[in-house]
């Protein structure tokens, strides 16, 4: 496999405000910024960095600065030199056996003494354990079969279809394809209905892995910035009319990372706009079940051009990688025909467990909603006490707060936080081309004691930044919506 070549201009945009305050050696700041790009996945592993001279010219620094920064990264194992390939990104050998991305380590796999506030997911409860036990009992009936289920087992597809129907959206099992999580559903859909160069309209900020999937498919993204109140509908509708995209992707129920919910009226307006330009509207419902005071608007049949994605990972357990795609039969047919190039189906055992959960007692999920609502209030209160200049708002549901900092320092904070016992994902991870440096996503999916420790660590890390740099202006710099 050939190494990926990192574009110098693109790397410069991702590095964004890497220089930081005066007084700290430039090579050290540059090496730390590059390390963060590698750790949080914005720079792929085995990616070939630009040559020292080219990188120095792009960043406007001396070649000596670039050389010293790369030497430091080589010493720490984040860059290796290969004959004929120059400097290539890597992970230290000691870290290669475990996830180290700032937005990716699973709960239960934290670095000792470090609270993972980069992952928004909940641990499994007794209901998940019981579902696997029942699935094991049901498994023998499926063993005489081939085990390959390119559309999913009938029992699970029927349960998912029945859940849509119960909310008012008539659905047959033939309109459901079971996938490896909602992200797997998106990947299969992109393979089936898009081609490199197709235009896509997306909300901004957005879910990092979905944005990555869209970009890695070679699609041309048009981000439309959200407002503090939610989606900029004027901007969205104008962008759809102007760009005439092949696909529109958004998380309409408890948007990740902001927690906003799309109104029924706005969803209908987007569906109509998509129909006018011949675009597919993809609504990711992964977080739909995690509401606080009231459920989001029920799903509506807007036409054959609307696709819905769902998953068991957020409401039940991240380790249960079962998702689905609900679409018109014509879309389903294309998806099934293109799927074998990606995978041959989801393990039967996991599908059986998901069917048990989705058709079982709703009381445990209701209890989970109450738990995360309590934890959300706890985290917001602790932040107000310890970091009163950070701005938060209560989301309508989901698993995380979208926090506004008084200055553009989320990347530096992400670098400093592990030294104070916290791992976080900087706001730029949820944006495109370095946007959202003034923001931070903080999940409230952990126990209150962990949240207390995390806030204490963040406050300590923030104070170190205050000592190292003069306070910058708190003037709001709004991200202009794309129109």
Protein backbone atom coordinates (compact mmCIF):
# COMPACT_ATOMS: atom_id res chain seq x y z
CA UNK A 1 0.00 0.00 0.00
CA UNK A 2 1.37 3.40 -0.95
CA UNK A 3 1.72 6.04 1.76
CA UNK A 4 -0.78 8.88 1.77
CA UNK A 5 0.72 12.23 0.83
CA UNK A 6 -0.25 15.13 3.10
CA UNK A 7 -1.08 18.33 1.21
CA UNK A 8 0.96 21.23 2.68
CA UNK A 9 -1.85 23.81 2.39
CA UNK A 10 -4.34 21.41 3.99
CA UNK A 11 -1.89 20.67 6.81
CA UNK A 12 -1.40 24.40 7.40
CA UNK A 13 -5.17 24.88 7.73
CA UNK A 14 -5.44 22.01 10.19
CA UNK A 15 -2.58 23.35 12.30
CA UNK A 16 -4.53 26.60 12.55
CA UNK A 17 -3.34 28.68 15.54
CA UNK A 18 -0.37 26.49 16.43
CA UNK A 19 2.09 29.27 17.26
CA UNK A 20 0.50 30.17 20.59
CA UNK A 21 2.18 32.62 22.98
CA UNK A 22 5.63 34.12 22.72
CA UNK A 23 8.26 32.64 24.97
CA UNK A 24 7.77 28.97 24.11
CA UNK A 25 10.12 27.57 21.44
CA UNK A 26 8.42 27.47 18.04
CA UNK A 27 9.70 23.98 17.26
CA UNK A 28 8.13 22.65 20.47
CA UNK A 29 4.76 24.26 19.70
CA UNK A 30 4.84 22.91 16.16
CA UNK A 31 5.71 19.38 17.29
CA UNK A 32 2.91 19.40 19.88
CA UNK A 33 0.38 20.62 17.32
CA UNK A 34 1.44 17.91 14.85
CA UNK A 35 1.27 15.31 17.60
CA UNK A 36 -2.32 16.33 18.36
CA UNK A 37 -3.29 15.97 14.69
CA UNK A 38 -1.89 12.44 14.74
CA UNK A 39 -3.49 11.49 18.06
CA UNK A 40 -6.98 12.68 17.21
CA UNK A 41 -6.97 11.16 13.73
CA UNK A 42 -6.88 14.31 11.61
CA UNK A 43 -3.54 13.12 10.25
CA UNK A 44 -3.79 9.50 9.16
CA UNK A 45 -1.16 6.98 10.17
CA UNK A 46 1.39 6.13 7.48
CA UNK A 47 0.83 9.55 5.91
CA UNK A 48 3.89 11.13 4.28
CA UNK A 49 4.51 14.66 5.51
CA UNK A 50 5.68 17.41 3.13
CA UNK A 51 9.43 17.92 2.85
CA UNK A 52 11.06 20.19 5.39
CA UNK A 53 11.68 23.01 2.91
CA UNK A 54 8.13 22.90 1.54
CA UNK A 55 6.58 22.73 5.01
CA UNK A 56 8.73 25.64 6.24
CA UNK A 57 7.63 27.78 3.29
CA UNK A 58 3.96 26.93 3.82
CA UNK A 59 4.06 27.70 7.56
CA UNK A 60 6.25 30.78 7.22
CA UNK A 61 8.98 29.51 9.56
CA UNK A 62 12.61 28.56 9.18
CA UNK A 63 13.62 25.13 7.99
CA UNK A 64 15.55 24.75 11.25
CA UNK A 65 12.26 25.08 13.19
CA UNK A 66 10.59 22.40 11.08
CA UNK A 67 13.60 20.09 11.30
CA UNK A 68 13.74 20.41 15.10
CA UNK A 69 9.99 19.76 15.42
CA UNK A 70 10.23 16.61 13.30
CA UNK A 71 13.29 15.43 15.22
CA UNK A 72 11.31 15.76 18.46
CA UNK A 73 8.41 13.77 16.99
CA UNK A 74 10.82 11.08 15.76
CA UNK A 75 12.31 10.80 19.23
CA UNK A 76 8.82 10.29 20.69
CA UNK A 77 7.78 7.79 17.98
CA UNK A 78 5.14 9.93 16.25
CA UNK A 79 7.18 10.24 13.04
CA UNK A 80 9.45 7.69 11.39
CA UNK A 81 11.86 8.12 8.48
CA UNK A 82 11.53 5.72 5.58
CA UNK A 83 13.89 5.45 2.64
CA UNK A 84 12.25 7.05 -0.34
CA UNK A 85 9.24 8.22 1.67
CA UNK A 86 10.64 10.94 3.91
CA UNK A 87 8.86 11.54 7.22
CA UNK A 88 5.79 9.35 7.84
CA UNK A 89 3.28 9.63 10.68
CA UNK A 90 3.16 6.81 13.23
CA UNK A 91 2.27 5.94 16.82
CA UNK A 92 4.84 5.10 19.50
CA UNK A 93 5.35 1.37 19.92
CA UNK A 94 4.06 1.52 23.48
CA UNK A 95 0.82 3.04 22.26
CA UNK A 96 0.30 0.86 19.22
CA UNK A 97 -1.58 -1.83 21.10
CA UNK A 98 -4.30 0.46 22.47
CA UNK A 99 -6.46 3.30 21.18
CA UNK A 100 -4.86 6.67 21.79
CA UNK A 101 -6.93 9.01 19.65
CA UNK A 102 -8.15 11.97 21.62
CA UNK A 103 -11.69 11.32 20.41
CA UNK A 104 -11.63 7.57 20.48
CA UNK A 105 -10.58 5.55 23.55
CA UNK A 106 -13.41 3.45 24.89
CA UNK A 107 -14.58 3.73 28.47
CA UNK A 108 -12.86 1.10 30.55
CA UNK A 109 -9.68 1.51 28.47
CA UNK A 110 -8.47 4.81 29.91
CA UNK A 111 -4.88 5.63 30.61
CA UNK A 112 -4.48 5.04 34.36
CA UNK A 113 -5.35 8.21 36.25
CA UNK A 114 -6.77 9.96 33.18
CA UNK A 115 -10.52 10.59 32.80
CA UNK A 116 -11.66 10.06 29.22
CA UNK A 117 -13.86 13.06 28.37
CA UNK A 118 -13.37 12.57 24.64
CA UNK A 119 -15.73 9.62 24.25
CA UNK A 120 -19.48 10.14 24.50
CA UNK A 121 -20.82 6.67 25.31
CA UNK A 122 -22.32 4.77 28.22
CA UNK A 123 -21.29 1.47 29.79
CA UNK A 124 -23.52 -1.57 29.34
CA UNK A 125 -26.12 -2.27 32.01
CA UNK A 126 -27.82 -5.45 33.18
CA UNK A 127 -30.32 -5.25 30.33
CA UNK A 128 -27.50 -5.61 27.78
CA UNK A 129 -26.09 -8.60 29.66
CA UNK A 130 -29.51 -10.25 29.72
CA UNK A 131 -29.99 -9.57 26.00
CA UNK A 132 -26.77 -11.40 25.16
CA UNK A 133 -27.82 -14.32 27.35
CA UNK A 134 -31.13 -14.61 25.51
CA UNK A 135 -29.37 -14.21 22.17
CA UNK A 136 -27.11 -17.15 23.03
CA UNK A 137 -30.18 -19.25 23.71
CA UNK A 138 -31.65 -18.31 20.32
CA UNK A 139 -28.41 -18.80 18.37
CA UNK A 140 -28.68 -22.60 17.76
CA UNK A 141 -31.72 -22.07 15.52
CA UNK A 142 -29.53 -20.01 13.16
CA UNK A 143 -26.50 -22.32 13.08
CA UNK A 144 -27.76 -24.59 10.27
CA UNK A 145 -27.87 -21.54 7.99
CA UNK A 146 -24.94 -19.99 6.13
CA UNK A 147 -24.44 -17.19 8.67
CA UNK A 148 -24.10 -14.52 6.02
CA UNK A 149 -26.90 -11.99 6.36
CA UNK A 150 -26.39 -9.20 3.79
CA UNK A 151 -29.67 -7.51 4.74
CA UNK A 152 -29.89 -8.70 8.36
CA UNK A 153 -31.86 -11.40 10.11
CA UNK A 154 -35.63 -11.22 9.70
CA UNK A 155 -36.30 -10.95 13.45
CA UNK A 156 -34.25 -7.78 13.86
CA UNK A 157 -35.49 -6.11 10.67
CA UNK A 158 -39.07 -6.72 11.76
CA UNK A 159 -38.44 -5.28 15.23
CA UNK A 160 -36.88 -2.12 13.75
CA UNK A 161 -39.70 -1.76 11.22
CA UNK A 162 -42.30 -2.17 13.96
CA UNK A 163 -40.65 0.55 16.05
CA UNK A 164 -40.88 3.01 13.14
CA UNK A 165 -44.50 2.01 12.55
CA UNK A 166 -45.32 2.53 16.23
CA UNK A 167 -44.16 6.15 15.88
CA UNK A 168 -46.33 6.68 12.82
CA UNK A 169 -43.88 5.91 9.99
CA UNK A 170 -45.23 2.84 8.21
CA UNK A 171 -42.24 0.59 7.47
CA UNK A 172 -41.82 -2.97 6.25
CA UNK A 173 -38.84 -5.22 7.05
CA UNK A 174 -37.86 -4.99 3.37
CA UNK A 175 -37.07 -1.31 3.94
CA UNK A 176 -34.45 -2.13 6.59
CA UNK A 177 -30.82 -3.16 6.10
CA UNK A 178 -28.85 -4.11 9.22
CA UNK A 179 -25.32 -2.68 9.39
CA UNK A 180 -22.30 -2.43 11.67
CA UNK A 181 -23.54 0.68 13.46
CA UNK A 182 -24.95 3.84 11.93
CA UNK A 183 -21.49 4.76 10.64
CA UNK A 184 -21.42 1.45 8.78
CA UNK A 185 -24.82 2.30 7.32
CA UNK A 186 -23.50 5.65 6.11
CA UNK A 187 -20.41 4.05 4.57
CA UNK A 188 -22.51 1.50 2.66
CA UNK A 189 -24.92 4.19 1.50
CA UNK A 190 -22.08 6.39 0.25
CA UNK A 191 -20.61 3.46 -1.65
CA UNK A 192 -23.99 2.78 -3.24
CA UNK A 193 -25.28 6.21 -4.22
CA UNK A 194 -22.34 8.63 -4.51
CA UNK A 195 -19.25 9.05 -6.63
CA UNK A 196 -16.05 11.02 -5.91
CA UNK A 197 -16.65 14.68 -6.59
CA UNK A 198 -20.35 14.61 -5.73
CA UNK A 199 -21.46 17.55 -3.63
CA UNK A 200 -22.75 17.12 -0.09
CA UNK A 201 -24.30 19.69 2.26
CA UNK A 202 -23.53 19.10 5.94
CA UNK A 203 -24.23 20.81 9.25
CA UNK A 204 -21.26 22.51 10.91
CA UNK A 205 -20.04 21.55 13.50
CA UNK A 206 -20.70 17.87 12.89
CA UNK A 207 -19.95 14.33 13.96
CA UNK A 208 -16.23 13.83 13.19
CA UNK A 209 -16.39 10.25 11.96
CA UNK A 210 -19.27 11.03 9.60
CA UNK A 211 -17.36 14.01 8.21
CA UNK A 212 -14.32 11.77 7.81
CA UNK A 213 -16.38 9.15 5.96
CA UNK A 214 -17.76 11.77 3.58
CA UNK A 215 -14.34 13.25 2.85
CA UNK A 216 -12.67 9.86 2.45
CA UNK A 217 -15.33 8.99 -0.13
CA UNK A 218 -13.98 11.88 -2.17
CA UNK A 219 -17.09 14.01 -1.77
CA UNK A 220 -17.13 17.81 -2.01
CA UNK A 221 -18.49 19.10 1.32
CA UNK A 222 -20.40 22.36 1.74
CA UNK A 223 -20.64 23.04 5.51
CA UNK A 224 -23.43 25.28 6.79
CA UNK A 225 -22.69 26.75 10.22
CA UNK A 226 -25.24 26.21 12.96
CA UNK A 227 -26.38 29.08 15.16
CA UNK A 228 -26.62 29.02 18.98
CA UNK A 229 -30.33 28.27 18.48
CA UNK A 230 -29.86 25.40 16.03
CA UNK A 231 -29.76 25.02 12.28
CA UNK A 232 -29.47 28.12 10.10
CA UNK A 233 -32.41 27.21 7.89
CA UNK A 234 -31.98 30.17 5.55
CA UNK A 235 -28.37 29.16 5.04
CA UNK A 236 -29.22 25.47 4.62
CA UNK A 237 -31.96 26.07 2.07
CA UNK A 238 -29.85 28.57 0.15
CA UNK A 239 -26.89 26.18 0.08
CA UNK A 240 -29.07 23.31 -1.17
CA UNK A 241 -30.51 25.47 -3.94
CA UNK A 242 -27.11 26.82 -4.97
CA UNK A 243 -24.95 23.70 -4.65
CA UNK A 244 -27.60 21.18 -5.84
CA UNK A 245 -25.95 18.40 -3.82
CA UNK A 246 -26.19 14.68 -4.36
CA UNK A 247 -26.69 14.18 -0.62
CA UNK A 248 -27.54 16.13 2.55
CA UNK A 249 -26.40 14.67 5.87
CA UNK A 250 -27.42 15.80 9.33
CA UNK A 251 -28.20 14.54 12.83
CA UNK A 252 -31.68 15.90 13.41
CA UNK A 253 -32.34 14.54 16.89
CA UNK A 254 -29.84 15.66 19.56
CA UNK A 255 -27.26 16.81 17.07
CA UNK A 256 -23.69 15.80 17.83
CA UNK A 257 -22.03 17.88 19.30
CA UNK A 258 -24.60 20.64 20.04
CA UNK A 259 -27.60 18.59 21.26
CA UNK A 260 -30.11 20.57 19.15
CA UNK A 261 -33.28 18.96 17.79
CA UNK A 262 -34.61 19.72 14.32
CA UNK A 263 -38.26 20.80 14.37
CA UNK A 264 -40.87 18.97 12.32
CA UNK A 265 -41.36 22.09 10.19
CA UNK A 266 -37.66 22.48 9.45
CA UNK A 267 -37.29 18.78 8.65
CA UNK A 268 -40.17 19.04 6.18
CA UNK A 269 -38.63 22.15 4.59
CA UNK A 270 -35.29 20.37 4.14
CA UNK A 271 -37.01 17.34 2.64
CA UNK A 272 -38.82 19.57 0.13
CA UNK A 273 -35.60 21.39 -0.75
CA UNK A 274 -33.83 18.06 -1.26
CA UNK A 275 -36.61 16.81 -3.51
CA UNK A 276 -36.42 19.94 -5.68
CA UNK A 277 -32.74 19.35 -6.50
CA UNK A 278 -32.86 15.55 -6.60
CA UNK A 279 -30.79 15.04 -3.45
CA UNK A 280 -30.95 12.29 -0.85
CA UNK A 281 -31.67 13.59 2.66
CA UNK A 282 -29.90 11.39 5.21
CA UNK A 283 -31.17 11.80 8.79
CA UNK A 284 -28.95 10.18 11.40
CA UNK A 285 -31.15 9.13 14.35
CA UNK A 286 -28.36 7.54 16.41
CA UNK A 287 -29.07 9.74 19.46
CA UNK A 288 -32.81 10.01 18.96
CA UNK A 289 -33.77 7.92 22.00
CA UNK A 290 -31.71 9.96 24.46
CA UNK A 291 -34.11 12.81 25.20
CA UNK A 292 -34.60 14.58 28.54
CA UNK A 293 -37.99 16.30 28.87
CA UNK A 294 -39.81 15.25 25.70
CA UNK A 295 -39.10 13.06 22.69
CA UNK A 296 -38.14 14.63 19.37
CA UNK A 297 -40.81 15.00 16.66
CA UNK A 298 -41.94 11.61 15.32
CA UNK A 299 -40.45 10.42 12.04
CA UNK A 300 -42.48 11.34 8.96
CA UNK A 301 -42.63 9.88 5.46
CA UNK A 302 -41.25 12.75 3.38
CA UNK A 303 -40.80 10.64 0.27
CA UNK A 304 -38.49 8.05 -1.29
CA UNK A 305 -35.51 10.42 -1.21
CA UNK A 306 -35.23 10.39 2.62
CA UNK A 307 -32.99 7.83 4.34
CA UNK A 308 -32.85 7.29 8.11
CA UNK A 309 -29.97 5.75 10.06
CA UNK A 310 -30.24 4.19 13.51
CA UNK A 311 -28.09 2.33 16.01
CA UNK A 312 -28.04 0.52 19.35
CA UNK A 313 -24.60 1.88 20.26
CA UNK A 314 -25.54 5.17 21.93
CA UNK A 315 -28.74 4.25 23.83
CA UNK A 316 -27.52 0.80 24.94
CA UNK A 317 -23.78 0.08 24.57
CA UNK A 318 -20.99 1.12 22.23
CA UNK A 319 -19.75 -2.46 22.05
CA UNK A 320 -23.00 -3.58 20.42
CA UNK A 321 -22.09 -2.50 16.90
CA UNK A 322 -25.53 -2.94 15.35
CA UNK A 323 -27.14 -0.25 13.24
CA UNK A 324 -29.57 -0.02 10.38
CA UNK A 325 -30.60 1.92 7.33
CA UNK A 326 -34.28 2.65 6.60
CA UNK A 327 -34.97 3.63 3.00
CA UNK A 328 -37.20 3.25 -0.06
CA UNK A 329 -36.98 -0.21 -1.68
CA UNK A 330 -35.17 1.24 -4.71
CA UNK A 331 -32.41 2.61 -2.47
CA UNK A 332 -32.32 -0.64 -0.50
CA UNK A 333 -31.82 -2.58 -3.73
CA UNK A 334 -28.80 -0.49 -4.73
CA UNK A 335 -27.33 -0.73 -1.22
CA UNK A 336 -27.63 -4.53 -1.16
CA UNK A 337 -25.98 -4.88 -4.57
CA UNK A 338 -23.02 -2.68 -3.60
CA UNK A 339 -22.60 -3.93 -0.04
CA UNK A 340 -20.39 -7.01 -0.68
CA UNK A 341 -17.49 -4.71 -1.56
CA UNK A 342 -17.50 -3.51 2.07
CA UNK A 343 -18.77 -6.39 4.21
CA UNK A 344 -21.03 -9.44 4.13
CA UNK A 345 -23.24 -8.59 7.07
CA UNK A 346 -23.31 -8.19 10.84
CA UNK A 347 -22.59 -11.12 13.23
CA UNK A 348 -25.80 -13.03 13.98
CA UNK A 349 -25.20 -13.09 17.73
CA UNK A 350 -25.11 -9.28 17.91
CA UNK A 351 -28.24 -9.01 15.77
CA UNK A 352 -30.11 -11.36 18.09
CA UNK A 353 -29.04 -9.31 21.13
CA UNK A 354 -30.13 -6.09 19.44
CA UNK A 355 -33.54 -7.61 18.61
CA UNK A 356 -34.01 -8.53 22.28
CA UNK A 357 -33.12 -5.03 23.45
CA UNK A 358 -35.28 -3.19 20.92
CA UNK A 359 -38.32 -5.35 21.60
CA UNK A 360 -37.86 -5.59 25.36
CA UNK A 361 -38.93 -3.66 28.42
CA UNK A 362 -38.60 0.13 27.80
CA UNK A 363 -38.16 0.88 31.52
CA UNK A 364 -34.33 0.49 31.58
CA UNK A 365 -33.95 2.96 28.70
CA UNK A 366 -36.24 5.42 30.50
CA UNK A 367 -34.03 5.04 33.58
CA UNK A 368 -30.97 5.77 31.45
CA UNK A 369 -32.59 8.99 30.24
CA UNK A 370 -33.10 10.09 33.83
CA UNK A 371 -29.49 9.21 34.66
CA UNK A 372 -27.93 11.18 31.82
CA UNK A 373 -30.25 14.14 32.51
CA UNK A 374 -29.01 14.18 36.10
CA UNK A 375 -25.38 13.87 35.00
CA UNK A 376 -25.83 16.66 32.44
CA UNK A 377 -27.15 19.02 35.12
CA UNK A 378 -24.30 18.00 37.43
CA UNK A 379 -21.60 18.68 34.82
CA UNK A 380 -23.09 22.03 33.84
CA UNK A 381 -23.29 23.13 37.49
CA UNK A 382 -19.69 22.12 38.20
CA UNK A 383 -18.45 23.97 35.12
CA UNK A 384 -20.33 27.09 36.20
CA UNK A 385 -18.62 26.94 39.60
CA UNK A 386 -15.08 26.12 38.48
CA UNK A 387 -14.97 27.83 35.07
CA UNK A 388 -17.54 30.61 35.09
CA UNK A 389 -16.19 32.23 31.91
CA UNK A 390 -17.02 29.09 29.91
CA UNK A 391 -20.44 29.25 28.26
CA UNK A 392 -22.77 26.24 28.24
CA UNK A 393 -26.42 25.63 27.41
CA UNK A 394 -28.67 22.76 28.37
CA UNK A 395 -29.17 20.46 25.38
CA UNK A 396 -32.49 18.77 24.66
CA UNK A 397 -30.82 15.38 24.94
CA UNK A 398 -27.85 13.40 23.72
CA UNK A 399 -24.65 12.69 25.61
CA UNK A 400 -22.55 15.86 25.54
CA UNK A 401 -22.29 19.60 26.11
CA UNK A 402 -20.98 21.95 23.43
CA UNK A 403 -18.94 24.41 25.46
CA UNK A 404 -17.84 27.84 24.26
CA UNK A 405 -14.50 29.05 25.59
CA UNK A 406 -13.72 32.74 26.12
CA UNK A 407 -10.89 32.50 23.62
CA UNK A 408 -9.66 30.25 20.83
CA UNK A 409 -7.66 27.79 22.96
CA UNK A 410 -9.31 24.37 22.71
CA UNK A 411 -6.33 22.76 20.94
CA UNK A 412 -3.84 24.01 23.53
CA UNK A 413 -6.21 22.91 26.28
CA UNK A 414 -6.45 19.43 24.73
CA UNK A 415 -2.66 19.24 24.77
CA UNK A 416 -2.40 20.39 28.39
CA UNK A 417 -5.36 18.45 29.85
CA UNK A 418 -3.78 14.95 30.05
CA UNK A 419 -1.11 16.35 32.38
CA UNK A 420 -3.99 17.19 34.74
CA UNK A 421 -5.79 13.86 34.45
CA UNK A 422 -8.27 14.56 31.64
CA UNK A 423 -8.47 13.64 27.96
CA UNK A 424 -10.68 15.84 25.77
CA UNK A 425 -11.52 16.34 22.10
CA UNK A 426 -10.90 19.92 20.94
CA UNK A 427 -13.62 21.75 19.05
CA UNK A 428 -11.65 21.67 15.80
CA UNK A 429 -12.24 17.92 15.68
CA UNK A 430 -15.92 18.68 14.96
CA UNK A 431 -15.23 21.28 12.31
CA UNK A 432 -13.71 21.56 8.87
CA UNK A 433 -10.46 23.36 8.07
CA UNK A 434 -9.67 24.33 11.66
CA UNK A 435 -13.06 25.78 12.61
CA UNK A 436 -14.36 25.80 16.22
CA UNK A 437 -11.10 26.45 18.04
CA UNK A 438 -13.18 28.34 20.63
CA UNK A 439 -15.32 25.30 21.40
CA UNK A 440 -15.06 22.03 23.27
CA UNK A 441 -17.29 18.96 23.49
CA UNK A 442 -17.65 17.49 26.97
CA UNK A 443 -19.71 14.30 27.43
CA UNK A 444 -21.80 13.83 30.56
CA UNK A 445 -22.06 10.06 30.13
CA UNK A 446 -19.79 9.32 33.09
CA UNK A 447 -20.62 9.05 36.79
CA UNK A 448 -20.76 12.25 38.83
CA UNK A 449 -17.52 11.48 40.69
CA UNK A 450 -15.67 11.19 37.37
CA UNK A 451 -17.26 14.41 36.15
CA UNK A 452 -16.06 16.19 39.30
CA UNK A 453 -12.51 14.99 38.75
CA UNK A 454 -12.67 15.97 35.09
CA UNK A 455 -13.80 19.52 35.86
CA UNK A 456 -11.07 19.90 38.48
CA UNK A 457 -8.47 18.77 35.95
CA UNK A 458 -9.83 21.04 33.22
CA UNK A 459 -9.81 24.02 35.57
CA UNK A 460 -6.20 23.31 36.50
CA UNK A 461 -5.18 22.93 32.85
CA UNK A 462 -6.99 26.14 31.93
CA UNK A 463 -5.15 28.02 34.66
CA UNK A 464 -1.81 26.88 33.23
CA UNK A 465 -2.81 28.37 29.87
CA UNK A 466 -3.68 31.62 31.63
CA UNK A 467 -0.22 31.74 33.18
CA UNK A 468 1.49 30.98 29.90
CA UNK A 469 -0.37 33.52 27.75
CA UNK A 470 -1.95 36.94 28.20
CA UNK A 471 -5.74 36.78 28.09
CA UNK A 472 -6.97 37.41 24.58
CA UNK A 473 -10.10 39.32 23.71
CA UNK A 474 -13.41 37.71 24.57
CA UNK A 475 -15.08 39.36 21.58
CA UNK A 476 -17.28 36.83 19.83
CA UNK A 477 -16.11 35.82 16.37
CA UNK A 478 -19.05 34.17 14.66
CA UNK A 479 -18.53 31.58 11.94
CA UNK A 480 -20.38 32.86 8.89
CA UNK A 481 -22.97 30.45 7.46
CA UNK A 482 -22.44 29.19 3.93
CA UNK A 483 -25.06 30.63 1.58
